[in-house]
Amino acid sequence: MNTFRLIAAALFVSALFAISAFAQAAQPAPSKIVYINVAAFDDDKAGITKYIAVMKALDTEFAGVNGELQTMATRYQTLGKEIQALQASATNNPKVPIDQKAATAKVDEYQKLERDIKFKQEDAKARFQSRYNTVVGPVYQDIMKALQDFAKQKGYSMILDAAKLDEAGIILAVGNDSADVTKDFVTFYNARPAGTAAATTPK
């Protein structure tokens, strides 16, 4: 999973369960609380196919800029090592002359590259966020609706995000694996009509 997909995954997890999914049973009954592991939605083999598809489309759309950043980062690291080597040589072998013009050119290129990388990263991140909202937004809304439908159909009073609870240290022990309905929800969602959410095709 590349850098942008990781960013997207973080955005999706933080947004999806900002609101818990609630549903009241038709008749009064004891509350039934279950949980879902949102991280599993991105699993290529067992995740939500629609979500995986739009994320792969985003990966493809930003593959070019991601490759440019990787190339720039490699060059940046190489220059850094070369500059360190020159500095070490000047310190350890002061009698050995150093091409000051060449050394200055390396430092200038290193500093410029650092600025360029920062600018390109910020620009790419902003464009990715915009495209993420456009492309993943409809799927996110559809998943939220599906969570509500799923909760009502199953008679669940509340669906919690297991990953968030674990991260917060709220879950101390789980005595019954039946409370994990991740697989059931993924199956439920993937079986819904393909046109439920009209995702925007990346440009």
C-alpha atoms as a PDB file:
ATOM      1  CA  MET A   1       0.000   0.000   0.000  1.00  0.00           C
ATOM      2  CA  ASN A   2       1.532   3.284  -1.068  1.00  0.00           C
ATOM      3  CA  THR A   3       1.702   6.554   0.863  1.00  0.00           C
ATOM      4  CA  PHE A   4      -1.507   8.026  -0.547  1.00  0.00           C
ATOM      5  CA  ARG A   5      -3.493   4.887   0.109  1.00  0.00           C
ATOM      6  CA  LEU A   6      -2.336   4.936   3.701  1.00  0.00           C
ATOM      7  CA  ILE A   7      -3.494   8.553   3.991  1.00  0.00           C
ATOM      8  CA  ALA A   8      -6.819   7.579   2.507  1.00  0.00           C
ATOM      9  CA  ALA A   9      -7.234   4.681   4.882  1.00  0.00           C
ATOM     10  CA  ALA A  10      -6.629   7.001   7.830  1.00  0.00           C
ATOM     11  CA  LEU A  11      -9.142   9.517   6.513  1.00  0.00           C
ATOM     12  CA  PHE A  12     -11.729   6.831   5.948  1.00  0.00           C
ATOM     13  CA  VAL A  13     -11.374   5.292   9.417  1.00  0.00           C
ATOM     14  CA  SER A  14     -11.524   8.636  11.195  1.00  0.00           C
ATOM     15  CA  ALA A  15     -14.590   9.762   9.240  1.00  0.00           C
ATOM     16  CA  LEU A  16     -16.577   6.566   9.076  1.00  0.00           C
ATOM     17  CA  PHE A  17     -17.097   6.092  12.772  1.00  0.00           C
ATOM     18  CA  ALA A  18     -17.341   9.702  13.855  1.00  0.00           C
ATOM     19  CA  ILE A  19     -21.000   8.678  14.192  1.00  0.00           C
ATOM     20  CA  SER A  20     -21.942   5.215  15.503  1.00  0.00           C
ATOM     21  CA  ALA A  21     -24.607   3.217  13.690  1.00  0.00           C
ATOM     22  CA  PHE A  22     -27.788   2.957  15.751  1.00  0.00           C
ATOM     23  CA  ALA A  23     -31.041   1.089  15.170  1.00  0.00           C
ATOM     24  CA  GLN A  24     -34.059   0.384  17.327  1.00  0.00           C
ATOM     25  CA  ALA A  25     -35.625  -3.075  17.188  1.00  0.00           C
ATOM     26  CA  ALA A  26     -39.275  -3.262  16.164  1.00  0.00           C
ATOM     27  CA  GLN A  27     -40.217  -4.513  19.636  1.00  0.00           C
ATOM     28  CA  PRO A  28     -38.554  -3.561  22.964  1.00  0.00           C
ATOM     29  CA  ALA A  29     -35.631  -5.910  23.552  1.00  0.00           C
ATOM     30  CA  PRO A  30     -32.308  -6.004  25.414  1.00  0.00           C
ATOM     31  CA  SER A  31     -29.644  -3.875  23.740  1.00  0.00           C
ATOM     32  CA  LYS A  32     -27.348  -5.805  21.429  1.00  0.00           C
ATOM     33  CA  ILE A  33     -23.986  -4.172  20.855  1.00  0.00           C
ATOM     34  CA  VAL A  34     -21.585  -5.512  18.243  1.00  0.00           C
ATOM     35  CA  TYR A  35     -18.405  -4.250  16.639  1.00  0.00           C
ATOM     36  CA  ILE A  36     -16.818  -4.009  13.211  1.00  0.00           C
ATOM     37  CA  ASN A  37     -13.144  -3.839  12.287  1.00  0.00           C
ATOM     38  CA  VAL A  38     -13.074  -1.001   9.754  1.00  0.00           C
ATOM     39  CA  ALA A  39      -9.486  -1.796   8.742  1.00  0.00           C
ATOM     40  CA  ALA A  40     -10.775  -5.001   7.140  1.00  0.00           C
ATOM     41  CA  PHE A  41     -12.739  -2.990   4.552  1.00  0.00           C
ATOM     42  CA  ASP A  42      -9.476  -2.458   2.643  1.00  0.00           C
ATOM     43  CA  ASP A  43      -8.527  -6.156   2.538  1.00  0.00           C
ATOM     44  CA  ASP A  44      -8.020  -7.113  -1.120  1.00  0.00           C
ATOM     45  CA  LYS A  45      -9.397 -10.605  -0.591  1.00  0.00           C
ATOM     46  CA  ALA A  46     -12.073 -10.135   2.061  1.00  0.00           C
ATOM     47  CA  GLY A  47     -12.903  -6.428   2.020  1.00  0.00           C
ATOM     48  CA  ILE A  48     -15.551  -4.176   0.519  1.00  0.00           C
ATOM     49  CA  THR A  49     -15.106  -4.494  -3.238  1.00  0.00           C
ATOM     50  CA  LYS A  50     -16.485  -1.041  -4.067  1.00  0.00           C
ATOM     51  CA  TYR A  51     -14.165   0.671  -1.572  1.00  0.00           C
ATOM     52  CA  ILE A  52     -11.158  -1.332  -2.754  1.00  0.00           C
ATOM     53  CA  ALA A  53     -11.936  -0.412  -6.369  1.00  0.00           C
ATOM     54  CA  VAL A  54     -12.046   3.353  -5.768  1.00  0.00           C
ATOM     55  CA  MET A  55      -8.889   3.219  -3.659  1.00  0.00           C
ATOM     56  CA  LYS A  56      -7.030   1.344  -6.388  1.00  0.00           C
ATOM     57  CA  ALA A  57      -8.258   3.937  -8.874  1.00  0.00           C
ATOM     58  CA  LEU A  58      -6.812   6.683  -6.664  1.00  0.00           C
ATOM     59  CA  ASP A  59      -3.556   4.762  -6.393  1.00  0.00           C
ATOM     60  CA  THR A  60      -3.355   4.653 -10.184  1.00  0.00           C
ATOM     61  CA  GLU A  61      -4.251   8.323 -10.539  1.00  0.00           C
ATOM     62  CA  PHE A  62      -1.476   9.399  -8.164  1.00  0.00           C
ATOM     63  CA  ALA A  63       1.095   6.804  -9.209  1.00  0.00           C
ATOM     64  CA  GLY A  64       2.941   9.360 -11.332  1.00  0.00           C
ATOM     65  CA  VAL A  65       3.431  11.987  -8.654  1.00  0.00           C
ATOM     66  CA  ASN A  66       4.211   9.294  -6.103  1.00  0.00           C
ATOM     67  CA  GLY A  67       6.947   7.974  -8.404  1.00  0.00           C
ATOM     68  CA  GLU A  68       8.356  11.482  -8.869  1.00  0.00           C
ATOM     69  CA  LEU A  69       8.501  11.986  -5.102  1.00  0.00           C
ATOM     70  CA  GLN A  70      10.273   8.674  -4.631  1.00  0.00           C
ATOM     71  CA  THR A  71      12.833   9.582  -7.301  1.00  0.00           C
ATOM     72  CA  MET A  72      13.378  12.986  -5.704  1.00  0.00           C
ATOM     73  CA  ALA A  73      13.720  11.418  -2.256  1.00  0.00           C
ATOM     74  CA  THR A  74      16.335   8.962  -3.547  1.00  0.00           C
ATOM     75  CA  ARG A  75      18.348  11.786  -5.105  1.00  0.00           C
ATOM     76  CA  TYR A  76      17.995  13.820  -1.899  1.00  0.00           C
ATOM     77  CA  GLN A  77      19.383  10.951   0.194  1.00  0.00           C
ATOM     78  CA  THR A  78      22.246  10.401  -2.254  1.00  0.00           C
ATOM     79  CA  LEU A  79      23.232  14.080  -2.158  1.00  0.00           C
ATOM     80  CA  GLY A  80      23.075  14.056   1.632  1.00  0.00           C
ATOM     81  CA  LYS A  81      25.526  11.148   1.796  1.00  0.00           C
ATOM     82  CA  GLU A  82      27.847  12.802  -0.715  1.00  0.00           C
ATOM     83  CA  ILE A  83      27.858  16.067   1.262  1.00  0.00           C
ATOM     84  CA  GLN A  84      28.539  14.179   4.502  1.00  0.00           C
ATOM     85  CA  ALA A  85      31.425  12.384   2.794  1.00  0.00           C
ATOM     86  CA  LEU A  86      32.903  15.713   1.664  1.00  0.00           C
ATOM     87  CA  GLN A  87      32.565  17.131   5.167  1.00  0.00           C
ATOM     88  CA  ALA A  88      34.227  14.062   6.660  1.00  0.00           C
ATOM     89  CA  SER A  89      37.033  14.272   4.129  1.00  0.00           C
ATOM     90  CA  ALA A  90      37.616  17.936   4.915  1.00  0.00           C
ATOM     91  CA  THR A  91      37.792  17.135   8.619  1.00  0.00           C
ATOM     92  CA  ASN A  92      39.874  13.959   8.463  1.00  0.00           C
ATOM     93  CA  ASN A  93      42.136  14.922   5.545  1.00  0.00           C
ATOM     94  CA  PRO A  94      42.459  18.716   5.652  1.00  0.00           C
ATOM     95  CA  LYS A  95      45.510  18.609   3.379  1.00  0.00           C
ATOM     96  CA  VAL A  96      43.550  16.995   0.561  1.00  0.00           C
ATOM     97  CA  PRO A  97      41.990  19.753  -1.562  1.00  0.00           C
ATOM     98  CA  ILE A  98      38.262  19.745  -2.167  1.00  0.00           C
ATOM     99  CA  ASP A  99      36.571  21.133  -5.257  1.00  0.00           C
ATOM    100  CA  GLN A 100      34.704  23.964  -3.534  1.00  0.00           C
ATOM    101  CA  LYS A 101      32.697  24.808  -6.637  1.00  0.00           C
ATOM    102  CA  ALA A 102      31.442  21.240  -6.971  1.00  0.00           C
ATOM    103  CA  ALA A 103      30.755  21.014  -3.235  1.00  0.00           C
ATOM    104  CA  THR A 104      28.765  24.253  -3.266  1.00  0.00           C
ATOM    105  CA  ALA A 105      26.767  23.024  -6.258  1.00  0.00           C
ATOM    106  CA  LYS A 106      25.850  19.855  -4.338  1.00  0.00           C
ATOM    107  CA  VAL A 107      24.723  21.823  -1.306  1.00  0.00           C
ATOM    108  CA  ASP A 108      22.666  24.185  -3.485  1.00  0.00           C
ATOM    109  CA  GLU A 109      21.017  21.261  -5.270  1.00  0.00           C
ATOM    110  CA  TYR A 110      20.370  19.531  -1.933  1.00  0.00           C
ATOM    111  CA  GLN A 111      18.667  22.599  -0.452  1.00  0.00           C
ATOM    112  CA  LYS A 112      16.614  23.250  -3.593  1.00  0.00           C
ATOM    113  CA  LEU A 113      15.544  19.613  -3.741  1.00  0.00           C
ATOM    114  CA  GLU A 114      14.447  19.772  -0.120  1.00  0.00           C
ATOM    115  CA  ARG A 115      12.212  22.755  -0.905  1.00  0.00           C
ATOM    116  CA  ASP A 116      10.865  21.122  -4.067  1.00  0.00           C
ATOM    117  CA  ILE A 117      10.022  17.891  -2.262  1.00  0.00           C
ATOM    118  CA  LYS A 118       8.165  19.754   0.474  1.00  0.00           C
ATOM    119  CA  PHE A 119       6.177  21.784  -2.054  1.00  0.00           C
ATOM    120  CA  LYS A 120       5.304  18.758  -4.197  1.00  0.00           C
ATOM    121  CA  GLN A 121       4.286  16.727  -1.140  1.00  0.00           C
ATOM    122  CA  GLU A 122       1.969  19.476   0.120  1.00  0.00           C
ATOM    123  CA  ASP A 123       0.499  20.003  -3.331  1.00  0.00           C
ATOM    124  CA  ALA A 124      -0.021  16.279  -3.887  1.00  0.00           C
ATOM    125  CA  LYS A 125      -1.569  15.849  -0.452  1.00  0.00           C
ATOM    126  CA  ALA A 126      -4.033  18.689  -1.088  1.00  0.00           C
ATOM    127  CA  ARG A 127      -4.988  17.321  -4.503  1.00  0.00           C
ATOM    128  CA  PHE A 128      -5.320  13.824  -3.079  1.00  0.00           C
ATOM    129  CA  GLN A 129      -7.608  15.072  -0.319  1.00  0.00           C
ATOM    130  CA  SER A 130      -9.800  16.804  -2.888  1.00  0.00           C
ATOM    131  CA  ARG A 131      -9.965  13.753  -5.133  1.00  0.00           C
ATOM    132  CA  TYR A 132     -10.527  11.490  -2.130  1.00  0.00           C
ATOM    133  CA  ASN A 133     -13.566  13.518  -1.114  1.00  0.00           C
ATOM    134  CA  THR A 134     -14.921  13.371  -4.656  1.00  0.00           C
ATOM    135  CA  VAL A 135     -14.181   9.724  -5.388  1.00  0.00           C
ATOM    136  CA  VAL A 136     -14.581   8.052  -2.011  1.00  0.00           C
ATOM    137  CA  GLY A 137     -17.275  10.387  -0.671  1.00  0.00           C
ATOM    138  CA  PRO A 138     -20.199   8.646  -2.413  1.00  0.00           C
ATOM    139  CA  VAL A 139     -18.940   5.226  -1.320  1.00  0.00           C
ATOM    140  CA  TYR A 140     -18.498   6.464   2.244  1.00  0.00           C
ATOM    141  CA  GLN A 141     -22.058   7.767   2.300  1.00  0.00           C
ATOM    142  CA  ASP A 142     -23.312   4.477   0.918  1.00  0.00           C
ATOM    143  CA  ILE A 143     -21.415   2.480   3.544  1.00  0.00           C
ATOM    144  CA  MET A 144     -22.891   4.656   6.288  1.00  0.00           C
ATOM    145  CA  LYS A 145     -26.389   4.011   4.932  1.00  0.00           C
ATOM    146  CA  ALA A 146     -25.627   0.310   4.671  1.00  0.00           C
ATOM    147  CA  LEU A 147     -24.485   0.250   8.301  1.00  0.00           C
ATOM    148  CA  GLN A 148     -27.835   1.680   9.344  1.00  0.00           C
ATOM    149  CA  ASP A 149     -29.725  -0.838   7.209  1.00  0.00           C
ATOM    150  CA  PHE A 150     -27.555  -3.682   8.485  1.00  0.00           C
ATOM    151  CA  ALA A 151     -28.073  -2.689  12.121  1.00  0.00           C
ATOM    152  CA  LYS A 152     -31.845  -2.477  11.680  1.00  0.00           C
ATOM    153  CA  GLN A 153     -32.051  -5.759   9.804  1.00  0.00           C
ATOM    154  CA  LYS A 154     -30.031  -7.601  12.441  1.00  0.00           C
ATOM    155  CA  GLY A 155     -31.651  -5.872  15.403  1.00  0.00           C
ATOM    156  CA  TYR A 156     -28.417  -4.333  16.690  1.00  0.00           C
ATOM    157  CA  SER A 157     -28.791  -1.345  18.974  1.00  0.00           C
ATOM    158  CA  MET A 158     -25.250  -0.144  18.338  1.00  0.00           C
ATOM    159  CA  ILE A 159     -22.274  -0.932  16.091  1.00  0.00           C
ATOM    160  CA  LEU A 160     -18.859   0.102  17.385  1.00  0.00           C
ATOM    161  CA  ASP A 161     -15.486   0.484  15.674  1.00  0.00           C
ATOM    162  CA  ALA A 162     -13.226  -2.146  17.252  1.00  0.00           C
ATOM    163  CA  ALA A 163     -10.022  -0.510  16.016  1.00  0.00           C
ATOM    164  CA  LYS A 164     -10.885   2.839  17.618  1.00  0.00           C
ATOM    165  CA  LEU A 165     -11.913   1.201  20.885  1.00  0.00           C
ATOM    166  CA  ASP A 166      -8.725  -0.845  21.013  1.00  0.00           C
ATOM    167  CA  GLU A 167      -6.626   2.218  20.214  1.00  0.00           C
ATOM    168  CA  ALA A 168      -8.302   4.093  23.069  1.00  0.00           C
ATOM    169  CA  GLY A 169      -7.725   1.178  25.447  1.00  0.00           C
ATOM    170  CA  ILE A 170     -11.430   0.781  26.067  1.00  0.00           C
ATOM    171  CA  ILE A 171     -11.664  -2.907  25.156  1.00  0.00           C
ATOM    172  CA  LEU A 172     -10.146  -4.931  27.988  1.00  0.00           C
ATOM    173  CA  ALA A 173     -11.428  -8.352  26.980  1.00  0.00           C
ATOM    174  CA  VAL A 174     -13.749  -9.988  24.462  1.00  0.00           C
ATOM    175  CA  GLY A 175     -15.492 -13.102  25.689  1.00  0.00           C
ATOM    176  CA  ASN A 176     -17.559 -13.882  22.583  1.00  0.00           C
ATOM    177  CA  ASP A 177     -16.294 -13.653  19.003  1.00  0.00           C
ATOM    178  CA  SER A 178     -19.896 -13.497  17.791  1.00  0.00           C
ATOM    179  CA  ALA A 179     -19.805  -9.794  18.673  1.00  0.00           C
ATOM    180  CA  ASP A 180     -17.476  -9.259  15.698  1.00  0.00           C
ATOM    181  CA  VAL A 181     -19.791  -8.823  12.716  1.00  0.00           C
ATOM    182  CA  THR A 182     -17.182  -7.471  10.284  1.00  0.00           C
ATOM    183  CA  LYS A 183     -17.398 -10.405   7.895  1.00  0.00           C
ATOM    184  CA  ASP A 184     -21.194 -10.403   8.011  1.00  0.00           C
ATOM    185  CA  PHE A 185     -21.358  -6.696   7.183  1.00  0.00           C
ATOM    186  CA  VAL A 186     -18.844  -6.974   4.322  1.00  0.00           C
ATOM    187  CA  THR A 187     -20.887  -9.837   2.849  1.00  0.00           C
ATOM    188  CA  PHE A 188     -24.075  -7.804   3.346  1.00  0.00           C
ATOM    189  CA  TYR A 189     -22.598  -4.737   1.655  1.00  0.00           C
ATOM    190  CA  ASN A 190     -20.978  -6.564  -1.262  1.00  0.00           C
ATOM    191  CA  ALA A 191     -24.321  -8.193  -2.034  1.00  0.00           C
ATOM    192  CA  ARG A 192     -26.042  -4.806  -2.458  1.00  0.00           C
ATOM    193  CA  PRO A 193     -26.823  -3.530  -5.989  1.00  0.00           C
ATOM    194  CA  ALA A 194     -23.697  -2.266  -7.751  1.00  0.00           C
ATOM    195  CA  GLY A 195     -25.299   1.091  -8.540  1.00  0.00           C
ATOM    196  CA  THR A 196     -26.110   1.961  -4.941  1.00  0.00           C
ATOM    197  CA  ALA A 197     -23.248   4.498  -4.816  1.00  0.00           C
ATOM    198  CA  ALA A 198     -22.093   6.203  -7.984  1.00  0.00           C
ATOM    199  CA  ALA A 199     -18.398   6.812  -7.437  1.00  0.00           C
ATOM    200  CA  THR A 200     -16.740   9.463  -9.562  1.00  0.00           C
ATOM    201  CA  THR A 201     -14.129   8.033 -11.897  1.00  0.00           C
ATOM    202  CA  PRO A 202     -10.655   9.505 -11.224  1.00  0.00           C
ATOM    203  CA  LYS A 203      -9.371  11.766 -13.965  1.00  0.00           C
END
